[in-house]
C-alpha atoms as a PDB file:
ATOM      1  CA  MET A   1      79.385 120.022 103.334  1.00  0.00           C
ATOM      2  CA  PRO A   2      83.013 118.647 104.176  1.00  0.00           C
ATOM      3  CA  TYR A   3      83.777 117.623 107.698  1.00  0.00           C
ATOM      4  CA  THR A   4      85.549 120.044 109.894  1.00  0.00           C
ATOM      5  CA  GLU A   5      87.261 119.149 113.131  1.00  0.00           C
ATOM      6  CA  THR A   6      86.239 121.213 116.084  1.00  0.00           C
ATOM      7  CA  GLU A   7      87.937 122.067 119.408  1.00  0.00           C
ATOM      8  CA  THR A   8      84.829 120.691 121.209  1.00  0.00           C
ATOM      9  CA  HIS A   9      85.297 117.182 119.926  1.00  0.00           C
ATOM     10  CA  GLY A  10      89.022 117.101 119.579  1.00  0.00           C
ATOM     11  CA  PRO A  11      90.916 115.198 116.876  1.00  0.00           C
ATOM     12  CA  ASN A  12      89.360 112.224 115.134  1.00  0.00           C
ATOM     13  CA  PHE A  13      92.283 109.907 115.605  1.00  0.00           C
ATOM     14  CA  PRO A  14      94.322 110.814 118.475  1.00  0.00           C
ATOM     15  CA  ARG A  15      97.846 109.569 117.972  1.00  0.00           C
ATOM     16  CA  PRO A  16      99.645 107.797 120.828  1.00  0.00           C
ATOM     17  CA  PRO A  17     103.079 109.015 121.715  1.00  0.00           C
ATOM     18  CA  PRO A  18     106.046 106.768 120.757  1.00  0.00           C
ATOM     19  CA  ASP A  19     107.914 104.837 123.323  1.00  0.00           C
ATOM     20  CA  ILE A  20     111.407 106.099 124.045  1.00  0.00           C
ATOM     21  CA  ASP A  21     114.185 103.421 123.739  1.00  0.00           C
ATOM     22  CA  ASN A  22     117.821 104.522 124.124  1.00  0.00           C
ATOM     23  CA  ASP A  23     116.829 108.136 123.266  1.00  0.00           C
ATOM     24  CA  LYS A  24     115.092 106.899 120.075  1.00  0.00           C
ATOM     25  CA  GLU A  25     111.358 107.130 119.323  1.00  0.00           C
ATOM     26  CA  ARG A  26     109.776 103.812 118.747  1.00  0.00           C
ATOM     27  CA  TRP A  27     106.155 103.034 117.672  1.00  0.00           C
ATOM     28  CA  GLU A  28     104.513  99.641 118.112  1.00  0.00           C
ATOM     29  CA  ILE A  29     103.577  97.654 115.076  1.00  0.00           C
ATOM     30  CA  GLU A  30      99.922  96.430 115.011  1.00  0.00           C
ATOM     31  CA  ALA A  31     100.150  94.634 111.696  1.00  0.00           C
ATOM     32  CA  ILE A  32     102.106  94.190 108.524  1.00  0.00           C
ATOM     33  CA  VAL A  33      99.516  94.692 105.747  1.00  0.00           C
ATOM     34  CA  ASN A  34     101.615  94.052 102.577  1.00  0.00           C
ATOM     35  CA  HIS A  35     105.065  93.595 101.240  1.00  0.00           C
ATOM     36  CA  ARG A  36     106.978  94.488  98.063  1.00  0.00           C
ATOM     37  CA  ARG A  37     110.377  93.637  96.692  1.00  0.00           C
ATOM     38  CA  GLN A  38     112.714  96.683  96.504  1.00  0.00           C
ATOM     39  CA  GLY A  39     116.183  95.903  95.129  1.00  0.00           C
ATOM     40  CA  CYS A  40     117.398  92.778  96.841  1.00  0.00           C
ATOM     41  CA  LYS A  41     115.338  93.297  99.972  1.00  0.00           C
ATOM     42  CA  HIS A  42     111.551  93.545 100.961  1.00  0.00           C
ATOM     43  CA  THR A  43     109.852  96.545 102.271  1.00  0.00           C
ATOM     44  CA  PHE A  44     106.663  96.146 104.383  1.00  0.00           C
ATOM     45  CA  LEU A  45     103.529  98.176 104.677  1.00  0.00           C
ATOM     46  CA  VAL A  46     103.176  98.645 108.400  1.00  0.00           C
ATOM     47  CA  LYS A  47     100.078  99.688 110.350  1.00  0.00           C
ATOM     48  CA  TRP A  48     101.086 101.291 113.667  1.00  0.00           C
ATOM     49  CA  LYS A  49      99.235 100.534 116.790  1.00  0.00           C
ATOM     50  CA  GLY A  50      96.747 103.320 117.684  1.00  0.00           C
ATOM     51  CA  TYR A  51      96.921 104.856 114.189  1.00  0.00           C
ATOM     52  CA  ASP A  52      94.530 104.865 111.330  1.00  0.00           C
ATOM     53  CA  ILE A  53      95.213 102.482 108.323  1.00  0.00           C
ATOM     54  CA  THR A  54      95.638 105.593 106.222  1.00  0.00           C
ATOM     55  CA  GLU A  55      98.827 106.365 108.045  1.00  0.00           C
ATOM     56  CA  ALA A  56     100.468 103.042 107.294  1.00  0.00           C
ATOM     57  CA  MET A  57     103.990 103.381 106.055  1.00  0.00           C
ATOM     58  CA  TRP A  58     106.373 101.362 103.894  1.00  0.00           C
ATOM     59  CA  GLU A  59     109.365 100.314 106.058  1.00  0.00           C
ATOM     60  CA  CYS A  60     112.504  98.352 105.519  1.00  0.00           C
ATOM     61  CA  PHE A  61     113.726  96.025 108.314  1.00  0.00           C
ATOM     62  CA  ASP A  62     117.329  94.882 108.272  1.00  0.00           C
ATOM     63  CA  GLY A  63     117.247  91.430 109.839  1.00  0.00           C
ATOM     64  CA  GLY A  64     114.370  92.715 112.047  1.00  0.00           C
ATOM     65  CA  GLY A  65     113.731  90.721 115.265  1.00  0.00           C
ATOM     66  CA  GLU A  66     110.146  91.843 115.670  1.00  0.00           C
ATOM     67  CA  GLU A  67     107.922  88.747 116.322  1.00  0.00           C
ATOM     68  CA  ILE A  68     105.115  90.035 114.085  1.00  0.00           C
ATOM     69  CA  LEU A  69     107.604  90.473 111.180  1.00  0.00           C
ATOM     70  CA  LYS A  70     108.870  86.920 111.649  1.00  0.00           C
ATOM     71  CA  GLU A  71     105.262  85.607 111.591  1.00  0.00           C
ATOM     72  CA  TYR A  72     104.542  87.649 108.485  1.00  0.00           C
ATOM     73  CA  ARG A  73     107.722  86.403 106.743  1.00  0.00           C
ATOM     74  CA  ASP A  74     106.821  82.732 107.646  1.00  0.00           C
ATOM     75  CA  LEU A  75     103.302  83.092 106.410  1.00  0.00           C
ATOM     76  CA  HIS A  76     104.351  84.549 103.061  1.00  0.00           C
ATOM     77  CA  ASN A  77     107.563  82.331 102.724  1.00  0.00           C
ATOM     78  CA  LEU A  78     109.887  85.365 102.659  1.00  0.00           C
ATOM     79  CA  PRO A  79     113.536  84.954 103.536  1.00  0.00           C
ATOM     80  CA  ASP A  80     114.919  86.601 106.650  1.00  0.00           C
END
């Protein structure tokens, strides 16, 4: 029997709302899970804080200043 969500128990993975920064929605990065080369840049598989790993997304950061991104680049010897 497949699982069915009920109103009694609510959603399985409640999603936190984004932060609002200069009228733009912004989600917090929990971890960078993987990377791949796309053209002359890298894209990163990002796990968002408060979200399930199945909702991780490939993102491109143009000279990103996120500390977690810098740590990941250093760990994997990737250029900025």
